[in-house]
């Protein structure tokens, strides 16, 4: 029965293998001055799996990846999947205790690191160079090797650490089966096609860029370009050259692209698909983007690490009249909105959105109490406050932990932020609740200004558009907002700071 199950199952690396058999000579990935056909990429993954196995690793051992975007990073992930190791992507900005925590908590036996990052890895961990710099992993690809191992879809493929916006990161245990289901959901909900030319510029250690876009695009046989970072001039140049027509970015990056001088002057007509997600897109920003590029199809992607991470999508034809919605559940996701006791609430009533899906993680690595708390009655508790309408569309109101209790009345920070974004002098805004003797929590806006706007001007702007109890009691001006790797604003850091 076990052998039969393996024949029926699909693994993450099997997604690439099938594309290599179907379109072997098509370009799969470009990075810097290198390119790989699907056949070459698949052979490189097999060779890299053999190279990694030479380190004496056993099946299910954890292998941490601590590096910037590159073709080597992708090959290493797929090689771990092919060899039966559990991949642990690590934010390349982490250092010190934060880095040590993930490496130790995951029990990683090997750390694949960019040469420039190896000195940051704490003592006691075995380190191997990740990038193509002399003695690194890719050097071994000159001699093709054969490698295979005994795996099936129920095996763990990755420990996908949560973003840690409210607490220490937790390693969501993702199986091959969960990720492959998520890839199919992404392909169908986001209209991914083999003729698309996507650019992948967000960190590959983050689940959205890797699992919602790069791997699903490899599954359909598209031509992919990997960039080190979302550089506006580089992205605009690829679009003008006909080498890019689709792009995923969180709202913070779209804001940066729209503020770039080239956004108004470059020929961006070749950009056909725009994907956004990872955090809430301010409606005024989306309206500006749509006005500049009326032919661009926008997709809102929503979810979280524990579900692979795609849970809902708002498609291009669904934006009209509901631009603040995150859409409806994707193919393999079932969702509903519940109250604090886990009971369903009527449409139009705020509550926590919960999920059932084969895309879900198996729980959190070595955290049984957190796993039990996250799963209740067969449903996964997202921690997101949402409203469902009569047509099945969901709108995220806030993170449950970010809702502000102002004088006993709950205030959703998103509504206040959207109003602030309509002021031309507001570049970015985050609204938080701070302890207050009178109000319990005082609505407080932290703003990155464009010019010399004053607190009184912004408060007057808010009073014209919000009921009095939602108007900020205080506005704080800062040069930038703290974010995690996916672009989410770290409100816990703002609360601690102020």
Protein backbone atom coordinates (compact mmCIF):
# COMPACT_ATOMS: atom_id res chain seq x y z
CA UNK A 1 0.00 0.00 0.00
CA UNK A 2 2.84 2.41 0.84
CA UNK A 3 4.50 1.80 -2.53
CA UNK A 4 1.19 2.38 -4.30
CA UNK A 5 0.68 5.63 -2.38
CA UNK A 6 4.09 6.87 -3.53
CA UNK A 7 3.18 6.15 -7.15
CA UNK A 8 0.02 8.22 -6.78
CA UNK A 9 1.56 11.11 -4.87
CA UNK A 10 3.20 14.28 -6.10
CA UNK A 11 6.22 15.91 -4.52
CA UNK A 12 7.42 19.49 -4.83
CA UNK A 13 10.41 18.56 -6.99
CA UNK A 14 8.13 16.37 -9.11
CA UNK A 15 6.43 19.56 -10.29
CA UNK A 16 9.69 20.60 -11.97
CA UNK A 17 10.44 17.10 -13.25
CA UNK A 18 7.16 16.93 -15.17
CA UNK A 19 7.73 20.33 -16.76
CA UNK A 20 11.24 19.22 -17.77
CA UNK A 21 9.76 16.20 -19.51
CA UNK A 22 7.09 18.30 -21.23
CA UNK A 23 9.13 21.37 -22.31
CA UNK A 24 12.80 20.39 -21.80
CA UNK A 25 14.32 23.06 -24.04
CA UNK A 26 12.24 26.01 -22.87
CA UNK A 27 13.99 28.58 -20.64
CA UNK A 28 12.88 27.98 -17.07
CA UNK A 29 14.84 30.56 -15.07
CA UNK A 30 17.05 33.56 -15.68
CA UNK A 31 19.17 35.09 -12.96
CA UNK A 32 21.86 37.71 -13.56
CA UNK A 33 23.83 36.49 -16.60
CA UNK A 34 22.80 32.82 -16.24
CA UNK A 35 19.83 30.95 -17.65
CA UNK A 36 18.56 27.39 -17.27
CA UNK A 37 16.32 25.37 -19.53
CA UNK A 38 13.82 23.12 -17.80
CA UNK A 39 15.95 20.07 -18.57
CA UNK A 40 19.10 21.76 -17.25
CA UNK A 41 17.34 22.96 -14.10
CA UNK A 42 15.96 19.51 -13.35
CA UNK A 43 19.40 17.92 -13.84
CA UNK A 44 20.95 20.57 -11.58
CA UNK A 45 18.44 19.75 -8.84
CA UNK A 46 19.31 16.04 -9.05
CA UNK A 47 23.03 16.78 -8.89
CA UNK A 48 22.60 19.20 -6.00
CA UNK A 49 20.58 16.58 -4.10
CA UNK A 50 23.52 14.16 -4.46
CA UNK A 51 25.97 16.86 -3.33
CA UNK A 52 23.92 17.64 -0.23
CA UNK A 53 23.66 13.96 0.61
CA UNK A 54 27.44 13.74 0.71
CA UNK A 55 27.29 15.64 4.01
CA UNK A 56 26.01 12.56 5.78
CA UNK A 57 22.47 13.84 6.14
CA UNK A 58 19.61 11.46 6.76
CA UNK A 59 16.12 11.69 5.34
CA UNK A 60 13.98 14.28 7.20
CA UNK A 61 17.04 16.17 8.49
CA UNK A 62 16.52 19.93 8.43
CA UNK A 63 18.62 22.05 6.08
CA UNK A 64 18.52 25.83 6.62
CA UNK A 65 18.86 28.23 3.67
CA UNK A 66 20.31 31.61 4.61
CA UNK A 67 20.82 33.58 1.44
CA UNK A 68 19.61 36.23 -0.97
CA UNK A 69 17.65 35.58 -4.14
CA UNK A 70 19.50 33.56 -6.76
CA UNK A 71 19.15 30.55 -9.03
CA UNK A 72 21.24 28.64 -6.48
CA UNK A 73 18.67 29.35 -3.79
CA UNK A 74 15.91 27.82 -5.93
CA UNK A 75 18.05 24.79 -6.84
CA UNK A 76 18.93 24.18 -3.19
CA UNK A 77 15.26 24.20 -2.17
CA UNK A 78 14.28 21.73 -4.88
CA UNK A 79 17.34 19.61 -4.12
CA UNK A 80 16.25 19.31 -0.49
CA UNK A 81 12.81 18.23 -1.68
CA UNK A 82 14.32 15.62 -4.02
CA UNK A 83 16.70 14.27 -1.39
CA UNK A 84 14.02 14.01 1.28
CA UNK A 85 15.42 16.74 3.53
CA UNK A 86 13.28 19.39 5.22
CA UNK A 87 14.07 22.86 3.90
CA UNK A 88 14.15 25.73 6.43
CA UNK A 89 14.12 29.15 4.71
CA UNK A 90 15.67 31.86 6.88
CA UNK A 91 15.35 35.62 6.49
CA UNK A 92 18.77 36.81 5.29
CA UNK A 93 18.38 39.97 7.41
CA UNK A 94 18.36 38.00 10.66
CA UNK A 95 21.41 38.08 12.87
CA UNK A 96 22.35 37.26 16.45
CA UNK A 97 19.67 35.80 18.69
CA UNK A 98 16.96 35.95 15.99
CA UNK A 99 19.06 33.85 13.61
CA UNK A 100 20.20 31.49 16.33
CA UNK A 101 16.61 30.94 17.46
CA UNK A 102 15.40 29.62 14.09
CA UNK A 103 18.49 27.50 13.45
CA UNK A 104 18.30 25.99 16.91
CA UNK A 105 14.51 25.64 17.15
CA UNK A 106 14.39 23.87 13.77
CA UNK A 107 17.30 21.59 14.71
CA UNK A 108 19.01 22.30 11.39
CA UNK A 109 21.86 19.89 10.64
CA UNK A 110 23.30 22.03 7.84
CA UNK A 111 23.17 25.72 6.92
CA UNK A 112 23.42 26.72 3.26
CA UNK A 113 24.58 30.33 3.37
CA UNK A 114 25.71 33.00 0.94
CA UNK A 115 29.48 33.49 1.32
CA UNK A 116 28.92 37.03 2.59
CA UNK A 117 26.62 35.75 5.33
CA UNK A 118 28.57 32.78 6.67
CA UNK A 119 30.28 34.86 9.39
CA UNK A 120 26.86 35.58 10.90
CA UNK A 121 26.03 31.92 11.46
CA UNK A 122 26.53 31.04 15.16
CA UNK A 123 29.24 28.58 16.12
CA UNK A 124 28.24 24.96 16.26
CA UNK A 125 26.36 24.85 12.94
CA UNK A 126 27.78 23.16 9.83
CA UNK A 127 27.84 25.73 7.02
CA UNK A 128 28.11 25.23 3.26
CA UNK A 129 28.33 28.04 0.70
CA UNK A 130 25.14 28.53 -1.28
CA UNK A 131 26.04 30.76 -4.21
CA UNK A 132 28.20 30.17 -7.26
CA UNK A 133 31.50 31.53 -5.91
CA UNK A 134 34.29 29.03 -6.48
CA UNK A 135 33.82 26.34 -3.84
CA UNK A 136 30.02 26.64 -3.65
CA UNK A 137 27.12 24.35 -4.40
CA UNK A 138 26.78 25.20 -8.07
CA UNK A 139 30.40 24.31 -8.79
CA UNK A 140 29.47 20.66 -8.39
CA UNK A 141 26.91 20.90 -11.17
CA UNK A 142 29.59 20.59 -13.85
CA UNK A 143 29.39 16.82 -13.42
CA UNK A 144 25.86 15.46 -13.61
CA UNK A 145 24.97 12.86 -10.99
CA UNK A 146 22.06 10.51 -10.43
CA UNK A 147 20.08 10.65 -7.24
CA UNK A 148 16.73 9.49 -5.96
CA UNK A 149 15.18 8.71 -2.61
CA UNK A 150 12.08 7.12 -1.20
CA UNK A 151 9.51 9.89 -0.57
CA UNK A 152 5.82 10.49 -0.78
CA UNK A 153 3.47 13.44 -0.52
CA UNK A 154 2.94 13.04 3.23
CA UNK A 155 6.60 13.79 4.00
CA UNK A 156 7.57 17.19 5.34
CA UNK A 157 9.02 19.46 2.65
CA UNK A 158 9.58 22.66 4.59
CA UNK A 159 9.42 24.37 7.96
CA UNK A 160 7.86 27.66 6.96
CA UNK A 161 8.42 30.08 9.81
CA UNK A 162 5.64 32.57 10.45
CA UNK A 163 6.42 36.25 10.11
CA UNK A 164 6.39 36.82 13.86
CA UNK A 165 4.40 40.08 13.77
CA UNK A 166 2.91 39.39 17.21
CA UNK A 167 5.18 36.73 18.80
CA UNK A 168 8.24 34.58 18.21
CA UNK A 169 8.15 32.85 14.79
CA UNK A 170 6.71 29.34 14.66
CA UNK A 171 7.76 26.70 12.11
CA UNK A 172 4.68 25.67 10.14
CA UNK A 173 5.21 22.05 9.06
CA UNK A 174 4.40 21.95 5.34
CA UNK A 175 4.17 18.62 3.54
CA UNK A 176 4.73 18.04 -0.16
CA UNK A 177 1.02 17.31 -0.44
CA UNK A 178 0.03 20.64 1.12
CA UNK A 179 2.33 22.68 -1.11
CA UNK A 180 1.35 20.91 -4.34
CA UNK A 181 -2.33 21.50 -3.54
CA UNK A 182 -1.50 25.17 -2.98
CA UNK A 183 0.30 25.35 -6.33
CA UNK A 184 -2.82 24.11 -8.11
CA UNK A 185 -4.92 26.66 -6.24
CA UNK A 186 -2.55 29.44 -7.27
CA UNK A 187 -2.47 28.39 -10.93
CA UNK A 188 -6.26 28.36 -11.25
CA UNK A 189 -7.11 31.41 -9.11
CA UNK A 190 -4.36 33.67 -10.50
CA UNK A 191 -4.64 32.62 -14.16
CA UNK A 192 -0.98 31.58 -14.33
CA UNK A 193 -0.08 30.58 -17.87
CA UNK A 194 2.95 29.10 -19.64
CA UNK A 195 3.11 32.18 -21.89
CA UNK A 196 3.48 34.59 -18.95
CA UNK A 197 6.86 36.16 -18.22
CA UNK A 198 6.88 36.72 -14.47
CA UNK A 199 9.46 38.63 -12.48
CA UNK A 200 10.28 37.27 -9.01
CA UNK A 201 11.85 40.08 -6.99
CA UNK A 202 10.57 39.51 -3.47
CA UNK A 203 12.63 37.29 -1.13
CA UNK A 204 12.47 33.61 -2.07
CA UNK A 205 12.72 32.64 1.59
CA UNK A 206 9.22 34.10 1.96
CA UNK A 207 6.32 31.79 1.13
CA UNK A 208 4.42 34.17 -1.17
CA UNK A 209 7.13 34.63 -3.81
CA UNK A 210 8.27 31.00 -3.73
CA UNK A 211 4.99 29.11 -3.34
CA UNK A 212 2.35 31.37 -4.88
CA UNK A 213 4.39 32.37 -7.92
CA UNK A 214 7.80 30.80 -8.68
CA UNK A 215 6.93 27.12 -8.11
CA UNK A 216 3.44 27.35 -9.69
CA UNK A 217 4.97 29.12 -12.68
CA UNK A 218 7.55 26.34 -12.98
CA UNK A 219 4.65 23.89 -12.89
CA UNK A 220 3.00 25.49 -15.96
CA UNK A 221 6.30 25.85 -17.84
CA UNK A 222 6.66 29.64 -17.90
CA UNK A 223 9.83 31.68 -18.43
CA UNK A 224 10.89 33.12 -15.06
CA UNK A 225 13.26 35.95 -14.14
CA UNK A 226 14.67 36.16 -10.61
CA UNK A 227 15.91 39.52 -9.34
CA UNK A 228 17.87 40.30 -6.21
CA UNK A 229 15.27 42.84 -5.09
CA UNK A 230 12.30 44.81 -6.44
CA UNK A 231 14.36 47.55 -8.07
CA UNK A 232 11.97 49.86 -9.95
CA UNK A 233 14.35 50.80 -12.78
CA UNK A 234 15.25 47.14 -13.37
CA UNK A 235 11.61 46.03 -13.39
CA UNK A 236 10.61 48.85 -15.74
CA UNK A 237 13.50 47.95 -18.07
CA UNK A 238 12.44 44.30 -18.26
CA UNK A 239 8.87 45.33 -19.07
CA UNK A 240 9.99 47.68 -21.83
CA UNK A 241 12.28 44.98 -23.27
CA UNK A 242 9.40 42.49 -23.45
CA UNK A 243 10.99 40.16 -20.89
CA UNK A 244 8.44 40.71 -18.12
CA UNK A 245 4.67 41.01 -18.10
CA UNK A 246 3.60 39.99 -14.59
CA UNK A 247 4.76 41.08 -11.16
CA UNK A 248 3.91 40.29 -7.55
CA UNK A 249 4.66 42.79 -4.81
CA UNK A 250 3.25 43.77 -1.42
CA UNK A 251 1.48 47.14 -1.18
CA UNK A 252 4.61 48.80 0.23
CA UNK A 253 6.54 47.92 -2.94
CA UNK A 254 3.68 48.97 -5.25
CA UNK A 255 3.64 52.29 -3.39
CA UNK A 256 7.38 52.64 -4.03
CA UNK A 257 7.00 51.76 -7.71
CA UNK A 258 4.14 54.23 -8.17
CA UNK A 259 6.19 56.99 -6.49
CA UNK A 260 9.23 56.33 -8.72
CA UNK A 261 9.75 59.04 -11.41
CA UNK A 262 9.88 56.36 -14.11
CA UNK A 263 6.37 55.16 -13.30
CA UNK A 264 4.89 58.20 -15.03
CA UNK A 265 7.27 58.25 -18.01
CA UNK A 266 8.34 54.69 -18.89
CA UNK A 267 6.42 52.53 -21.40
CA UNK A 268 4.79 50.01 -19.07
CA UNK A 269 2.05 48.88 -21.45
CA UNK A 270 3.59 45.41 -21.62
CA UNK A 271 2.75 44.76 -17.96
CA UNK A 272 -0.40 42.62 -18.05
CA UNK A 273 -0.82 41.13 -14.58
CA UNK A 274 -0.28 42.82 -11.23
CA UNK A 275 -0.47 40.75 -8.07
CA UNK A 276 -0.51 42.25 -4.62
CA UNK A 277 -0.78 40.81 -1.14
CA UNK A 278 1.07 40.05 2.12
CA UNK A 279 -0.62 43.08 3.71
CA UNK A 280 -3.67 45.25 3.10
CA UNK A 281 -3.51 47.49 0.01
CA UNK A 282 -4.81 50.99 0.79
CA UNK A 283 -7.71 51.63 -1.57
CA UNK A 284 -6.44 55.11 -2.59
CA UNK A 285 -3.12 53.60 -3.68
CA UNK A 286 -4.88 50.92 -5.76
CA UNK A 287 -7.00 53.60 -7.42
CA UNK A 288 -3.86 55.56 -8.41
CA UNK A 289 -2.28 52.45 -9.93
CA UNK A 290 -5.40 51.58 -11.90
CA UNK A 291 -5.68 55.13 -13.20
CA UNK A 292 -2.09 55.10 -14.53
CA UNK A 293 -2.33 51.58 -16.02
CA UNK A 294 -6.00 51.00 -16.93
CA UNK A 295 -5.24 47.85 -18.93
CA UNK A 296 -3.41 46.13 -16.07
CA UNK A 297 -5.23 43.20 -14.43
CA UNK A 298 -5.00 43.37 -10.62
CA UNK A 299 -5.24 40.34 -8.34
CA UNK A 300 -5.44 40.58 -4.56
CA UNK A 301 -3.79 37.55 -2.95
CA UNK A 302 -4.49 36.86 0.71
CA UNK A 303 -3.49 34.13 3.14
CA UNK A 304 -0.82 33.20 5.64
CA UNK A 305 2.20 30.94 6.00
CA UNK A 306 0.24 28.10 7.58
CA UNK A 307 -1.91 27.58 4.48
CA UNK A 308 0.87 27.58 1.94
CA UNK A 309 0.16 30.70 1.92
CA UNK A 310 -2.69 31.43 -0.57
CA UNK A 311 -6.22 31.30 0.86
CA UNK A 312 -8.36 33.80 -1.06
CA UNK A 313 -8.10 35.80 -4.29
CA UNK A 314 -9.94 38.83 -5.64
CA UNK A 315 -9.69 38.67 -9.43
CA UNK A 316 -9.52 41.56 -11.92
CA UNK A 317 -13.23 41.46 -12.79
CA UNK A 318 -14.19 41.32 -9.11
CA UNK A 319 -12.59 44.58 -7.98
CA UNK A 320 -15.39 46.93 -9.00
CA UNK A 321 -17.43 47.88 -5.95
CA UNK A 322 -15.33 45.79 -3.58
CA UNK A 323 -11.75 46.99 -3.87
CA UNK A 324 -11.22 46.51 -0.14
CA UNK A 325 -12.13 42.81 -0.38
CA UNK A 326 -9.60 39.97 -0.41
CA UNK A 327 -11.93 37.86 -2.56
CA UNK A 328 -13.23 34.33 -2.22
CA UNK A 329 -11.48 31.11 -1.19
CA UNK A 330 -9.26 29.40 -3.76
CA UNK A 331 -9.89 25.90 -5.10
CA UNK A 332 -8.67 23.81 -2.16
CA UNK A 333 -9.67 26.14 0.69
CA UNK A 334 -12.89 26.23 2.72
CA UNK A 335 -13.45 29.27 4.96
CA UNK A 336 -15.99 30.72 7.35
CA UNK A 337 -16.29 33.49 9.93
CA UNK A 338 -16.82 32.61 13.61
CA UNK A 339 -17.19 34.32 16.98
CA UNK A 340 -14.96 33.86 20.04
CA UNK A 341 -16.67 30.56 20.84
CA UNK A 342 -16.11 29.18 17.34
CA UNK A 343 -19.76 29.56 16.31
CA UNK A 344 -20.67 30.76 12.81
CA UNK A 345 -21.73 34.42 12.57
CA UNK A 346 -24.18 35.89 10.03
CA UNK A 347 -22.91 37.51 6.83
CA UNK A 348 -21.93 41.12 7.46
CA UNK A 349 -20.84 40.41 11.05
CA UNK A 350 -17.14 40.69 11.95
CA UNK A 351 -15.46 37.59 13.31
CA UNK A 352 -12.35 35.47 12.98
CA UNK A 353 -11.86 33.79 9.60
CA UNK A 354 -11.04 30.08 9.95
CA UNK A 355 -9.97 27.50 7.35
CA UNK A 356 -10.17 23.82 6.40
CA UNK A 357 -7.88 22.73 3.57
CA UNK A 358 -5.38 20.11 2.36
CA UNK A 359 -3.05 23.11 1.97
CA UNK A 360 -2.80 23.56 5.73
CA UNK A 361 0.31 22.82 7.74
CA UNK A 362 0.52 19.79 10.02
CA UNK A 363 1.05 22.09 13.01
CA UNK A 364 4.03 23.95 14.44
CA UNK A 365 7.43 22.31 14.77
CA UNK A 366 8.07 21.25 18.36
CA UNK A 367 5.27 23.50 19.69
CA UNK A 368 2.39 21.22 20.69
CA UNK A 369 0.56 23.82 22.79
CA UNK A 370 0.58 26.40 19.99
CA UNK A 371 -0.59 23.72 17.56
CA UNK A 372 -3.53 22.78 19.78
CA UNK A 373 -4.47 26.46 20.16
CA UNK A 374 -4.39 27.04 16.39
CA UNK A 375 -6.71 24.16 15.47
CA UNK A 376 -10.20 24.12 16.98
CA UNK A 377 -13.02 21.80 15.99
CA UNK A 378 -11.23 20.77 12.81
CA UNK A 379 -10.67 24.37 11.67
CA UNK A 380 -7.50 26.48 11.64
CA UNK A 381 -7.77 29.78 13.47
CA UNK A 382 -6.22 32.49 11.30
CA UNK A 383 -6.11 35.36 13.78
CA UNK A 384 -7.63 37.65 11.13
CA UNK A 385 -10.81 39.60 11.76
CA UNK A 386 -13.02 39.45 8.68
CA UNK A 387 -16.50 40.04 7.30
CA UNK A 388 -18.18 37.82 4.70
CA UNK A 389 -20.85 39.26 2.41
CA UNK A 390 -23.85 37.52 0.89
CA UNK A 391 -21.92 36.64 -2.30
CA UNK A 392 -19.14 34.88 -0.42
CA UNK A 393 -16.53 37.66 -0.61
CA UNK A 394 -14.35 38.27 2.43
CA UNK A 395 -13.02 41.60 3.65
CA UNK A 396 -10.24 41.62 6.23
CA UNK A 397 -11.00 44.16 8.91
CA UNK A 398 -7.82 43.74 10.94
CA UNK A 399 -5.65 41.29 12.77
CA UNK A 400 -7.56 40.20 15.84
CA UNK A 401 -4.68 41.44 18.01
CA UNK A 402 -4.57 44.81 16.21
CA UNK A 403 -8.19 45.84 16.82
CA UNK A 404 -8.23 48.89 19.10
CA UNK A 405 -10.49 49.08 22.16
CA UNK A 406 -11.20 52.81 22.39
CA UNK A 407 -13.46 53.60 25.33
CA UNK A 408 -15.08 50.18 25.11
CA UNK A 409 -15.77 50.52 21.35
CA UNK A 410 -13.75 48.42 18.90
CA UNK A 411 -11.98 50.35 16.14
CA UNK A 412 -10.48 48.63 13.09
CA UNK A 413 -7.12 50.20 12.29
CA UNK A 414 -7.54 49.60 8.56
CA UNK A 415 -10.46 52.03 8.20
CA UNK A 416 -8.49 54.82 9.84
CA UNK A 417 -5.43 54.05 7.70
CA UNK A 418 -7.47 54.19 4.48
CA UNK A 419 -8.72 57.66 5.40
CA UNK A 420 -5.20 58.89 6.13
CA UNK A 421 -3.99 57.54 2.78
CA UNK A 422 -6.44 59.84 0.99
CA UNK A 423 -4.39 62.83 2.18
CA UNK A 424 -1.76 63.73 -0.47
CA UNK A 425 0.93 64.36 2.15
CA UNK A 426 0.74 60.84 3.63
CA UNK A 427 3.25 58.42 2.12
CA UNK A 428 2.54 55.59 4.58
CA UNK A 429 0.47 55.12 7.71
CA UNK A 430 -0.03 52.56 10.48
CA UNK A 431 -2.67 52.91 13.16
CA UNK A 432 -2.21 51.28 16.57
CA UNK A 433 -3.77 51.39 20.02
CA UNK A 434 -1.66 52.68 22.88
CA UNK A 435 -2.54 52.34 26.59
CA UNK A 436 -4.62 55.25 27.85
CA UNK A 437 -6.19 55.86 31.29
CA UNK A 438 -9.33 57.40 29.81
CA UNK A 439 -9.82 55.50 26.56
CA UNK A 440 -8.30 52.09 27.52
CA UNK A 441 -6.48 52.31 24.19
CA UNK A 442 -5.94 55.57 22.34
CA UNK A 443 -6.18 55.46 18.54
CA UNK A 444 -2.70 56.52 17.43
CA UNK A 445 -1.50 57.07 13.85
CA UNK A 446 2.15 56.61 12.94
CA UNK A 447 2.73 58.44 9.65
CA UNK A 448 5.55 58.72 7.12
CA UNK A 449 4.91 62.19 5.59
CA UNK A 450 5.73 63.36 2.09
CA UNK A 451 6.27 66.99 3.12
CA UNK A 452 5.78 69.36 6.02
CA UNK A 453 2.22 68.36 6.88
CA UNK A 454 1.20 69.02 10.48
CA UNK A 455 -0.68 66.91 13.01
CA UNK A 456 -3.54 69.43 13.07
CA UNK A 457 -3.95 69.18 9.27
CA UNK A 458 -4.20 65.39 9.36
CA UNK A 459 -6.57 65.40 12.33
CA UNK A 460 -8.84 67.86 10.54
CA UNK A 461 -8.74 65.61 7.46
CA UNK A 462 -9.70 62.60 9.59
CA UNK A 463 -12.52 64.41 11.42
CA UNK A 464 -14.21 65.19 8.11
CA UNK A 465 -14.30 61.50 7.16
CA UNK A 466 -14.55 59.49 10.40
CA UNK A 467 -16.84 59.40 13.41
CA UNK A 468 -15.26 61.07 16.41
CA UNK A 469 -14.32 57.89 18.31
CA UNK A 470 -12.25 56.68 15.33
CA UNK A 471 -10.27 59.89 14.86
CA UNK A 472 -6.69 59.47 16.12
CA UNK A 473 -5.97 60.97 19.50
CA UNK A 474 -2.37 61.44 18.44
CA UNK A 475 -0.30 61.42 15.27
CA UNK A 476 3.41 60.51 15.35
CA UNK A 477 5.68 61.29 12.40
CA UNK A 478 8.52 58.88 11.52
CA UNK A 479 10.97 58.44 8.65
CA UNK A 480 9.98 54.82 8.00
CA UNK A 481 7.80 52.03 9.35
CA UNK A 482 9.28 48.74 10.62
CA UNK A 483 8.47 45.75 8.41
CA UNK A 484 9.15 42.07 8.16
CA UNK A 485 10.47 40.41 5.00
CA UNK A 486 7.05 40.16 3.35
CA UNK A 487 6.39 43.88 3.71
CA UNK A 488 4.00 43.58 6.65
CA UNK A 489 4.22 46.48 9.06
CA UNK A 490 5.34 45.30 12.49
CA UNK A 491 2.77 47.00 14.68
CA UNK A 492 4.06 45.22 17.78
CA UNK A 493 7.33 47.12 17.32
CA UNK A 494 5.44 50.39 17.01
CA UNK A 495 3.45 49.64 20.16
CA UNK A 496 6.66 48.80 22.05
CA UNK A 497 8.41 51.92 20.75
CA UNK A 498 5.70 54.43 21.57
